[in-house]
Amino acid sequence: MNGFVYLPDVVTLELDDRLCNGCKMCLNVCPHGVFGFRDKRAYIMNRDLCMECGACEMNCPQGAVKVKSGVGCAAGIINGLLRGTEPTCDCSTNSSCC
């Protein structure tokens, strides 16, 4: 599933590279390879690949990664499957969404 992008520009993922200590936990736990590593710090290679599972945030010992789990692409796919419709994050009816 690596490389799958359905809803571009909706991901809530943020990385404060000033807080990054170079532990590479975000690289190790990210199922879609969103993060890269250079100059002893992580960086976001492609934000749109993020499925907002929250693994990176939960495993970052420095609190450098923030993401609102369950919105954006992942929620869009789940909502579509549950409703039997095209994937959508349903932002037009849910003000708490992305």
PDB file of N, CA and C in Angstrom:
ATOM      1  N   MET A   1       0.824  -1.205   0.000  1.00  0.00           N
ATOM      2  CA  MET A   1       0.000   0.000   0.000  1.00  0.00           C
ATOM      3  C   MET A   1       0.862   1.260   0.000  1.00  0.00           C
ATOM      4  N   ASN A   2       2.159   1.100   0.084  1.00  0.00           N
ATOM      5  CA  ASN A   2       3.056   2.253   0.087  1.00  0.00           C
ATOM      6  C   ASN A   2       2.869   3.061  -1.190  1.00  0.00           C
ATOM      7  N   GLY A   3       2.713   4.379  -1.051  1.00  0.00           N
ATOM      8  CA  GLY A   3       2.497   5.250  -2.184  1.00  0.00           C
ATOM      9  C   GLY A   3       1.045   5.594  -2.419  1.00  0.00           C
ATOM     10  N   PHE A   4       0.124   5.016  -1.648  1.00  0.00           N
ATOM     11  CA  PHE A   4      -1.301   5.268  -1.824  1.00  0.00           C
ATOM     12  C   PHE A   4      -1.678   6.656  -1.310  1.00  0.00           C
ATOM     13  N   VAL A   5      -2.230   7.469  -2.184  1.00  0.00           N
ATOM     14  CA  VAL A   5      -2.728   8.794  -1.809  1.00  0.00           C
ATOM     15  C   VAL A   5      -4.128   8.913  -2.375  1.00  0.00           C
ATOM     16  N   TYR A   6      -5.109   9.168  -1.518  1.00  0.00           N
ATOM     17  CA  TYR A   6      -6.459   9.348  -2.031  1.00  0.00           C
ATOM     18  C   TYR A   6      -6.925  10.790  -1.906  1.00  0.00           C
ATOM     19  N   LEU A   7      -6.728  11.384  -0.750  1.00  0.00           N
ATOM     20  CA  LEU A   7      -7.180  12.757  -0.518  1.00  0.00           C
ATOM     21  C   LEU A   7      -5.960  13.652  -0.283  1.00  0.00           C
ATOM     22  N   PRO A   8      -5.454  14.310  -1.307  1.00  0.00           N
ATOM     23  CA  PRO A   8      -4.262  15.145  -1.138  1.00  0.00           C
ATOM     24  C   PRO A   8      -4.545  16.390  -0.297  1.00  0.00           C
ATOM     25  N   ASP A   9      -3.524  16.825   0.421  1.00  0.00           N
ATOM     26  CA  ASP A   9      -3.545  18.083   1.175  1.00  0.00           C
ATOM     27  C   ASP A   9      -4.558  18.128   2.312  1.00  0.00           C
ATOM     28  N   VAL A  10      -4.861  16.989   2.942  1.00  0.00           N
ATOM     29  CA  VAL A  10      -5.763  17.014   4.094  1.00  0.00           C
ATOM     30  C   VAL A  10      -5.097  16.490   5.364  1.00  0.00           C
ATOM     31  N   VAL A  11      -3.894  16.001   5.264  1.00  0.00           N
ATOM     32  CA  VAL A  11      -3.214  15.366   6.396  1.00  0.00           C
ATOM     33  C   VAL A  11      -2.826  16.394   7.451  1.00  0.00           C
ATOM     34  N   THR A  12      -3.015  16.029   8.717  1.00  0.00           N
ATOM     35  CA  THR A  12      -2.730  16.928   9.843  1.00  0.00           C
ATOM     36  C   THR A  12      -1.322  16.765  10.393  1.00  0.00           C
ATOM     37  N   LEU A  13      -0.511  15.920   9.789  1.00  0.00           N
ATOM     38  CA  LEU A  13       0.832  15.611  10.266  1.00  0.00           C
ATOM     39  C   LEU A  13       1.731  16.845  10.326  1.00  0.00           C
ATOM     40  N   GLU A  14       2.415  17.015  11.467  1.00  0.00           N
ATOM     41  CA  GLU A  14       3.386  18.099  11.636  1.00  0.00           C
ATOM     42  C   GLU A  14       4.627  17.547  12.316  1.00  0.00           C
ATOM     43  N   LEU A  15       5.781  18.067  11.961  1.00  0.00           N
ATOM     44  CA  LEU A  15       7.050  17.686  12.575  1.00  0.00           C
ATOM     45  C   LEU A  15       7.815  18.940  12.941  1.00  0.00           C
ATOM     46  N   ASP A  16       8.153  19.074  14.220  1.00  0.00           N
ATOM     47  CA  ASP A  16       8.986  20.178  14.679  1.00  0.00           C
ATOM     48  C   ASP A  16      10.419  19.669  14.731  1.00  0.00           C
ATOM     49  N   ASP A  17      11.177  19.917  13.672  1.00  0.00           N
ATOM     50  CA  ASP A  17      12.526  19.362  13.592  1.00  0.00           C
ATOM     51  C   ASP A  17      13.473  19.914  14.653  1.00  0.00           C
ATOM     52  N   ARG A  18      13.091  21.016  15.289  1.00  0.00           N
ATOM     53  CA  ARG A  18      13.929  21.549  16.382  1.00  0.00           C
ATOM     54  C   ARG A  18      13.869  20.648  17.615  1.00  0.00           C
ATOM     55  N   LEU A  19      12.773  19.898  17.752  1.00  0.00           N
ATOM     56  CA  LEU A  19      12.623  18.990  18.885  1.00  0.00           C
ATOM     57  C   LEU A  19      13.170  17.587  18.591  1.00  0.00           C
ATOM     58  N   CYS A  20      13.376  17.279  17.328  1.00  0.00           N
ATOM     59  CA  CYS A  20      13.826  15.946  16.923  1.00  0.00           C
ATOM     60  C   CYS A  20      15.219  15.658  17.481  1.00  0.00           C
ATOM     61  N   ASN A  21      15.365  14.471  18.118  1.00  0.00           N
ATOM     62  CA  ASN A  21      16.673  14.083  18.654  1.00  0.00           C
ATOM     63  C   ASN A  21      17.379  13.054  17.777  1.00  0.00           C
ATOM     64  N   GLY A  22      16.793  12.714  16.635  1.00  0.00           N
ATOM     65  CA  GLY A  22      17.423  11.796  15.697  1.00  0.00           C
ATOM     66  C   GLY A  22      17.286  10.329  16.056  1.00  0.00           C
ATOM     67  N   CYS A  23      16.311   9.963  16.858  1.00  0.00           N
ATOM     68  CA  CYS A  23      16.158   8.568  17.294  1.00  0.00           C
ATOM     69  C   CYS A  23      15.631   7.656  16.186  1.00  0.00           C
ATOM     70  N   LYS A  24      15.022   8.199  15.164  1.00  0.00           N
ATOM     71  CA  LYS A  24      14.468   7.481  14.009  1.00  0.00           C
ATOM     72  C   LYS A  24      13.249   6.622  14.334  1.00  0.00           C
ATOM     73  N   MET A  25      12.622   6.827  15.479  1.00  0.00           N
ATOM     74  CA  MET A  25      11.433   6.042  15.800  1.00  0.00           C
ATOM     75  C   MET A  25      10.325   6.279  14.785  1.00  0.00           C
ATOM     76  N   CYS A  26      10.138   7.514  14.332  1.00  0.00           N
ATOM     77  CA  CYS A  26       9.091   7.806  13.347  1.00  0.00           C
ATOM     78  C   CYS A  26       9.337   7.028  12.056  1.00  0.00           C
ATOM     79  N   LEU A  27      10.593   6.912  11.649  1.00  0.00           N
ATOM     80  CA  LEU A  27      10.923   6.138  10.458  1.00  0.00           C
ATOM     81  C   LEU A  27      10.624   4.661  10.665  1.00  0.00           C
ATOM     82  N   ASN A  28      10.900   4.160  11.856  1.00  0.00           N
ATOM     83  CA  ASN A  28      10.716   2.740  12.150  1.00  0.00           C
ATOM     84  C   ASN A  28       9.254   2.334  12.240  1.00  0.00           C
ATOM     85  N   VAL A  29       8.393   3.207  12.747  1.00  0.00           N
ATOM     86  CA  VAL A  29       6.999   2.815  12.986  1.00  0.00           C
ATOM     87  C   VAL A  29       6.039   3.234  11.880  1.00  0.00           C
ATOM     88  N   CYS A  30       6.433   4.124  11.006  1.00  0.00           N
ATOM     89  CA  CYS A  30       5.534   4.601   9.953  1.00  0.00           C
ATOM     90  C   CYS A  30       5.319   3.519   8.896  1.00  0.00           C
ATOM     91  N   PRO A  31       4.070   3.069   8.720  1.00  0.00           N
ATOM     92  CA  PRO A  31       3.813   2.005   7.747  1.00  0.00           C
ATOM     93  C   PRO A  31       3.890   2.446   6.290  1.00  0.00           C
ATOM     94  N   HIS A  32       3.914   3.748   6.041  1.00  0.00           N
ATOM     95  CA  HIS A  32       3.916   4.237   4.655  1.00  0.00           C
ATOM     96  C   HIS A  32       5.182   4.974   4.263  1.00  0.00           C
ATOM     97  N   GLY A  33       6.199   4.961   5.105  1.00  0.00           N
ATOM     98  CA  GLY A  33       7.467   5.586   4.746  1.00  0.00           C
ATOM     99  C   GLY A  33       7.370   7.082   4.523  1.00  0.00           C
ATOM    100  N   VAL A  34       6.612   7.764   5.370  1.00  0.00           N
ATOM    101  CA  VAL A  34       6.405   9.204   5.235  1.00  0.00           C
ATOM    102  C   VAL A  34       7.669   9.993   5.580  1.00  0.00           C
ATOM    103  N   PHE A  35       8.460   9.465   6.504  1.00  0.00           N
ATOM    104  CA  PHE A  35       9.609  10.202   7.019  1.00  0.00           C
ATOM    105  C   PHE A  35      10.913   9.793   6.355  1.00  0.00           C
ATOM    106  N   GLY A  36      11.823  10.759   6.269  1.00  0.00           N
ATOM    107  CA  GLY A  36      13.185  10.522   5.836  1.00  0.00           C
ATOM    108  C   GLY A  36      14.116  11.003   6.926  1.00  0.00           C
ATOM    109  N   PHE A  37      15.416  10.861   6.703  1.00  0.00           N
ATOM    110  CA  PHE A  37      16.400  11.245   7.712  1.00  0.00           C
ATOM    111  C   PHE A  37      17.595  11.887   7.019  1.00  0.00           C
ATOM    112  N   ARG A  38      17.965  13.066   7.486  1.00  0.00           N
ATOM    113  CA  ARG A  38      19.161  13.751   6.979  1.00  0.00           C
ATOM    114  C   ARG A  38      19.644  14.737   8.034  1.00  0.00           C
ATOM    115  N   ASP A  39      20.920  14.987   8.025  1.00  0.00           N
ATOM    116  CA  ASP A  39      21.535  15.922   8.977  1.00  0.00           C
ATOM    117  C   ASP A  39      21.139  15.599  10.417  1.00  0.00           C
ATOM    118  N   LYS A  40      21.077  14.310  10.730  1.00  0.00           N
ATOM    119  CA  LYS A  40      20.795  13.819  12.087  1.00  0.00           C
ATOM    120  C   LYS A  40      19.393  14.134  12.595  1.00  0.00           C
ATOM    121  N   ARG A  41      18.462  14.403  11.667  1.00  0.00           N
ATOM    122  CA  ARG A  41      17.083  14.706  12.055  1.00  0.00           C
ATOM    123  C   ARG A  41      16.112  14.103  11.039  1.00  0.00           C
ATOM    124  N   ALA A  42      14.909  13.827  11.532  1.00  0.00           N
ATOM    125  CA  ALA A  42      13.847  13.338  10.654  1.00  0.00           C
ATOM    126  C   ALA A  42      13.256  14.506   9.870  1.00  0.00           C
ATOM    127  N   TYR A  43      12.689  14.191   8.737  1.00  0.00           N
ATOM    128  CA  TYR A  43      11.933  15.174   7.959  1.00  0.00           C
ATOM    129  C   TYR A  43      10.783  14.457   7.267  1.00  0.00           C
ATOM    130  N   ILE A  44       9.788  15.196   6.861  1.00  0.00           N
ATOM    131  CA  ILE A  44       8.638  14.619   6.170  1.00  0.00           C
ATOM    132  C   ILE A  44       8.936  14.601   4.671  1.00  0.00           C
ATOM    133  N   MET A  45       9.014  13.395   4.101  1.00  0.00           N
ATOM    134  CA  MET A  45       9.302  13.264   2.673  1.00  0.00           C
ATOM    135  C   MET A  45       8.062  13.540   1.831  1.00  0.00           C
ATOM    136  N   ASN A  46       6.920  12.966   2.244  1.00  0.00           N
ATOM    137  CA  ASN A  46       5.681  13.158   1.497  1.00  0.00           C
ATOM    138  C   ASN A  46       4.504  13.080   2.460  1.00  0.00           C
ATOM    139  N   ARG A  47       4.003  14.208   2.866  1.00  0.00           N
ATOM    140  CA  ARG A  47       2.909  14.311   3.834  1.00  0.00           C
ATOM    141  C   ARG A  47       1.653  13.567   3.360  1.00  0.00           C
ATOM    142  N   ASP A  48       1.393  13.585   2.076  1.00  0.00           N
ATOM    143  CA  ASP A  48       0.178  12.963   1.542  1.00  0.00           C
ATOM    144  C   ASP A  48       0.169  11.438   1.647  1.00  0.00           C
ATOM    145  N   LEU A  49       1.292  10.810   1.925  1.00  0.00           N
ATOM    146  CA  LEU A  49       1.328   9.361   2.121  1.00  0.00           C
ATOM    147  C   LEU A  49       0.853   8.968   3.516  1.00  0.00           C
ATOM    148  N   CYS A  50       0.759   9.931   4.424  1.00  0.00           N
ATOM    149  CA  CYS A  50       0.370   9.671   5.810  1.00  0.00           C
ATOM    150  C   CYS A  50      -1.089   9.231   5.886  1.00  0.00           C
ATOM    151  N   MET A  51      -1.341   8.124   6.618  1.00  0.00           N
ATOM    152  CA  MET A  51      -2.712   7.667   6.823  1.00  0.00           C
ATOM    153  C   MET A  51      -3.226   8.054   8.209  1.00  0.00           C
ATOM    154  N   GLU A  52      -2.451   8.863   8.910  1.00  0.00           N
ATOM    155  CA  GLU A  52      -2.829   9.421  10.214  1.00  0.00           C
ATOM    156  C   GLU A  52      -3.151   8.354  11.257  1.00  0.00           C
ATOM    157  N   CYS A  53      -2.333   7.303  11.288  1.00  0.00           N
ATOM    158  CA  CYS A  53      -2.539   6.235  12.276  1.00  0.00           C
ATOM    159  C   CYS A  53      -2.092   6.669  13.670  1.00  0.00           C
ATOM    160  N   GLY A  54      -1.169   7.626  13.752  1.00  0.00           N
ATOM    161  CA  GLY A  54      -0.713   8.141  15.041  1.00  0.00           C
ATOM    162  C   GLY A  54       0.491   7.427  15.620  1.00  0.00           C
ATOM    163  N   ALA A  55       1.009   6.404  14.941  1.00  0.00           N
ATOM    164  CA  ALA A  55       2.150   5.648  15.468  1.00  0.00           C
ATOM    165  C   ALA A  55       3.371   6.536  15.666  1.00  0.00           C
ATOM    166  N   CYS A  56       3.613   7.445  14.758  1.00  0.00           N
ATOM    167  CA  CYS A  56       4.789   8.318  14.867  1.00  0.00           C
ATOM    168  C   CYS A  56       4.698   9.210  16.105  1.00  0.00           C
ATOM    169  N   GLU A  57       3.544   9.803  16.319  1.00  0.00           N
ATOM    170  CA  GLU A  57       3.368  10.684  17.483  1.00  0.00           C
ATOM    171  C   GLU A  57       3.487   9.903  18.784  1.00  0.00           C
ATOM    172  N   MET A  58       2.857   8.728  18.841  1.00  0.00           N
ATOM    173  CA  MET A  58       2.887   7.932  20.074  1.00  0.00           C
ATOM    174  C   MET A  58       4.289   7.432  20.408  1.00  0.00           C
ATOM    175  N   ASN A  59       5.139   7.286  19.411  1.00  0.00           N
ATOM    176  CA  ASN A  59       6.476   6.736  19.631  1.00  0.00           C
ATOM    177  C   ASN A  59       7.590   7.770  19.625  1.00  0.00           C
ATOM    178  N   CYS A  60       7.270   9.036  19.451  1.00  0.00           N
ATOM    179  CA  CYS A  60       8.293  10.083  19.454  1.00  0.00           C
ATOM    180  C   CYS A  60       8.594  10.507  20.896  1.00  0.00           C
ATOM    181  N   PRO A  61       9.770  10.187  21.411  1.00  0.00           N
ATOM    182  CA  PRO A  61      10.083  10.509  22.802  1.00  0.00           C
ATOM    183  C   PRO A  61      10.227  12.007  23.065  1.00  0.00           C
ATOM    184  N   GLN A  62      10.428  12.793  22.028  1.00  0.00           N
ATOM    185  CA  GLN A  62      10.633  14.237  22.181  1.00  0.00           C
ATOM    186  C   GLN A  62       9.362  15.046  21.943  1.00  0.00           C
ATOM    187  N   GLY A  63       8.294  14.419  21.478  1.00  0.00           N
ATOM    188  CA  GLY A  63       7.074  15.150  21.158  1.00  0.00           C
ATOM    189  C   GLY A  63       7.222  16.029  19.926  1.00  0.00           C
ATOM    190  N   ALA A  64       8.107  15.633  19.016  1.00  0.00           N
ATOM    191  CA  ALA A  64       8.363  16.429  17.814  1.00  0.00           C
ATOM    192  C   ALA A  64       7.309  16.214  16.737  1.00  0.00           C
ATOM    193  N   VAL A  65       6.557  15.116  16.829  1.00  0.00           N
ATOM    194  CA  VAL A  65       5.572  14.777  15.811  1.00  0.00           C
ATOM    195  C   VAL A  65       4.167  14.950  16.381  1.00  0.00           C
ATOM    196  N   LYS A  66       3.317  15.596  15.607  1.00  0.00           N
ATOM    197  CA  LYS A  66       1.908  15.780  15.982  1.00  0.00           C
ATOM    198  C   LYS A  66       1.043  15.364  14.804  1.00  0.00           C
ATOM    199  N   VAL A  67      -0.037  14.641  15.091  1.00  0.00           N
ATOM    200  CA  VAL A  67      -0.997  14.250  14.061  1.00  0.00           C
ATOM    201  C   VAL A  67      -2.329  13.962  14.744  1.00  0.00           C
ATOM    202  N   LYS A  68      -3.401  14.375  14.115  1.00  0.00           N
ATOM    203  CA  LYS A  68      -4.741  14.074  14.629  1.00  0.00           C
ATOM    204  C   LYS A  68      -5.161  12.745  14.034  1.00  0.00           C
ATOM    205  N   SER A  69      -5.041  11.700  14.816  1.00  0.00           N
ATOM    206  CA  SER A  69      -5.360  10.357  14.327  1.00  0.00           C
ATOM    207  C   SER A  69      -6.827  10.244  13.938  1.00  0.00           C
ATOM    208  N   GLY A  70      -7.061   9.535  12.842  1.00  0.00           N
ATOM    209  CA  GLY A  70      -8.424   9.224  12.437  1.00  0.00           C
ATOM    210  C   GLY A  70      -9.096  10.241  11.543  1.00  0.00           C
ATOM    211  N   VAL A  71      -8.378  11.199  11.029  1.00  0.00           N
ATOM    212  CA  VAL A  71      -8.965  12.134  10.066  1.00  0.00           C
ATOM    213  C   VAL A  71      -8.227  11.994   8.746  1.00  0.00           C
ATOM    214  N   GLY A  72      -8.650  12.726   7.753  1.00  0.00           N
ATOM    215  CA  GLY A  72      -7.959  12.691   6.471  1.00  0.00           C
ATOM    216  C   GLY A  72      -8.170  11.391   5.729  1.00  0.00           C
ATOM    217  N   CYS A  73      -7.131  10.882   5.125  1.00  0.00           N
ATOM    218  CA  CYS A  73      -7.216   9.725   4.238  1.00  0.00           C
ATOM    219  C   CYS A  73      -7.733   8.480   4.947  1.00  0.00           C
ATOM    220  N   ALA A  74      -7.198   8.166   6.121  1.00  0.00           N
ATOM    221  CA  ALA A  74      -7.625   6.947   6.816  1.00  0.00           C
ATOM    222  C   ALA A  74      -9.116   6.986   7.134  1.00  0.00           C
ATOM    223  N   ALA A  75      -9.583   8.085   7.672  1.00  0.00           N
ATOM    224  CA  ALA A  75     -11.007   8.202   7.991  1.00  0.00           C
ATOM    225  C   ALA A  75     -11.847   8.200   6.726  1.00  0.00           C
ATOM    226  N   GLY A  76     -11.333   8.809   5.671  1.00  0.00           N
ATOM    227  CA  GLY A  76     -12.060   8.828   4.400  1.00  0.00           C
ATOM    228  C   GLY A  76     -12.291   7.438   3.854  1.00  0.00           C
ATOM    229  N   ILE A  77     -11.289   6.615   3.900  1.00  0.00           N
ATOM    230  CA  ILE A  77     -11.414   5.243   3.408  1.00  0.00           C
ATOM    231  C   ILE A  77     -12.387   4.454   4.278  1.00  0.00           C
ATOM    232  N   ILE A  78     -12.238   4.573   5.595  1.00  0.00           N
ATOM    233  CA  ILE A  78     -13.126   3.857   6.515  1.00  0.00           C
ATOM    234  C   ILE A  78     -14.573   4.304   6.333  1.00  0.00           C
ATOM    235  N   ASN A  79     -14.811   5.609   6.250  1.00  0.00           N
ATOM    236  CA  ASN A  79     -16.171   6.116   6.055  1.00  0.00           C
ATOM    237  C   ASN A  79     -16.777   5.587   4.760  1.00  0.00           C
ATOM    238  N   GLY A  80     -15.999   5.559   3.701  1.00  0.00           N
ATOM    239  CA  GLY A  80     -16.493   5.047   2.432  1.00  0.00           C
ATOM    240  C   GLY A  80     -16.854   3.572   2.504  1.00  0.00           C
ATOM    241  N   LEU A  81     -16.010   2.786   3.169  1.00  0.00           N
ATOM    242  CA  LEU A  81     -16.287   1.360   3.313  1.00  0.00           C
ATOM    243  C   LEU A  81     -17.545   1.121   4.146  1.00  0.00           C
ATOM    244  N   LEU A  82     -17.694   1.854   5.240  1.00  0.00           N
ATOM    245  CA  LEU A  82     -18.858   1.680   6.113  1.00  0.00           C
ATOM    246  C   LEU A  82     -20.161   2.087   5.429  1.00  0.00           C
ATOM    247  N   ARG A  83     -20.096   3.138   4.618  1.00  0.00           N
ATOM    248  CA  ARG A  83     -21.302   3.657   3.957  1.00  0.00           C
ATOM    249  C   ARG A  83     -21.550   3.036   2.592  1.00  0.00           C
ATOM    250  N   GLY A  84     -20.561   2.323   2.070  1.00  0.00           N
ATOM    251  CA  GLY A  84     -20.696   1.771   0.728  1.00  0.00           C
ATOM    252  C   GLY A  84     -20.621   2.845  -0.341  1.00  0.00           C
ATOM    253  N   THR A  85     -19.876   3.925  -0.060  1.00  0.00           N
ATOM    254  CA  THR A  85     -19.742   5.043  -0.994  1.00  0.00           C
ATOM    255  C   THR A  85     -18.269   5.265  -1.326  1.00  0.00           C
ATOM    256  N   GLU A  86     -18.015   6.247  -2.151  1.00  0.00           N
ATOM    257  CA  GLU A  86     -16.645   6.648  -2.430  1.00  0.00           C
ATOM    258  C   GLU A  86     -16.004   7.153  -1.137  1.00  0.00           C
ATOM    259  N   PRO A  87     -14.709   6.919  -0.944  1.00  0.00           N
ATOM    260  CA  PRO A  87     -14.032   7.444   0.245  1.00  0.00           C
ATOM    261  C   PRO A  87     -14.097   8.966   0.300  1.00  0.00           C
ATOM    262  N   THR A  88     -14.443   9.484   1.454  1.00  0.00           N
ATOM    263  CA  THR A  88     -14.480  10.919   1.682  1.00  0.00           C
ATOM    264  C   THR A  88     -14.304  11.187   3.164  1.00  0.00           C
ATOM    265  N   CYS A  89     -13.640  12.286   3.506  1.00  0.00           N
ATOM    266  CA  CYS A  89     -13.494  12.610   4.933  1.00  0.00           C
ATOM    267  C   CYS A  89     -14.712  13.361   5.432  1.00  0.00           C
ATOM    268  N   ASP A  90     -15.659  13.643   4.550  1.00  0.00           N
ATOM    269  CA  ASP A  90     -16.952  14.229   4.924  1.00  0.00           C
ATOM    270  C   ASP A  90     -16.804  15.596   5.590  1.00  0.00           C
ATOM    271  N   CYS A  91     -15.838  16.371   5.159  1.00  0.00           N
ATOM    272  CA  CYS A  91     -15.590  17.689   5.758  1.00  0.00           C
ATOM    273  C   CYS A  91     -16.759  18.637   5.594  1.00  0.00           C
ATOM    274  N   SER A  92     -17.570  18.430   4.578  1.00  0.00           N
ATOM    275  CA  SER A  92     -18.666  19.362   4.333  1.00  0.00           C
ATOM    276  C   SER A  92     -19.737  19.291   5.406  1.00  0.00           C
ATOM    277  N   THR A  93     -19.827  18.169   6.129  1.00  0.00           N
ATOM    278  CA  THR A  93     -20.858  18.036   7.166  1.00  0.00           C
ATOM    279  C   THR A  93     -20.287  17.882   8.557  1.00  0.00           C
ATOM    280  N   ASN A  94     -18.984  17.812   8.695  1.00  0.00           N
ATOM    281  CA  ASN A  94     -18.368  17.585   9.999  1.00  0.00           C
ATOM    282  C   ASN A  94     -17.299  18.637  10.232  1.00  0.00           C
ATOM    283  N   SER A  95     -17.596  19.643  11.027  1.00  0.00           N
ATOM    284  CA  SER A  95     -16.670  20.755  11.223  1.00  0.00           C
ATOM    285  C   SER A  95     -15.434  20.361  12.020  1.00  0.00           C
ATOM    286  N   SER A  96     -15.429  19.200  12.697  1.00  0.00           N
ATOM    287  CA  SER A  96     -14.263  18.792  13.449  1.00  0.00           C
ATOM    288  C   SER A  96     -13.272  18.020  12.579  1.00  0.00           C
ATOM    289  N   CYS A  97     -13.649  17.736  11.348  1.00  0.00           N
ATOM    290  CA  CYS A  97     -12.770  17.021  10.431  1.00  0.00           C
ATOM    291  C   CYS A  97     -11.741  17.994   9.849  1.00  0.00           C
ATOM    292  N   CYS A  98     -10.655  17.405   9.338  1.00  0.00           N
ATOM    293  CA  CYS A  98      -9.563  18.172   8.743  1.00  0.00           C
ATOM    294  C   CYS A  98      -9.997  19.570   8.431  1.00  0.00           C
TER     295      CYS A  98
END
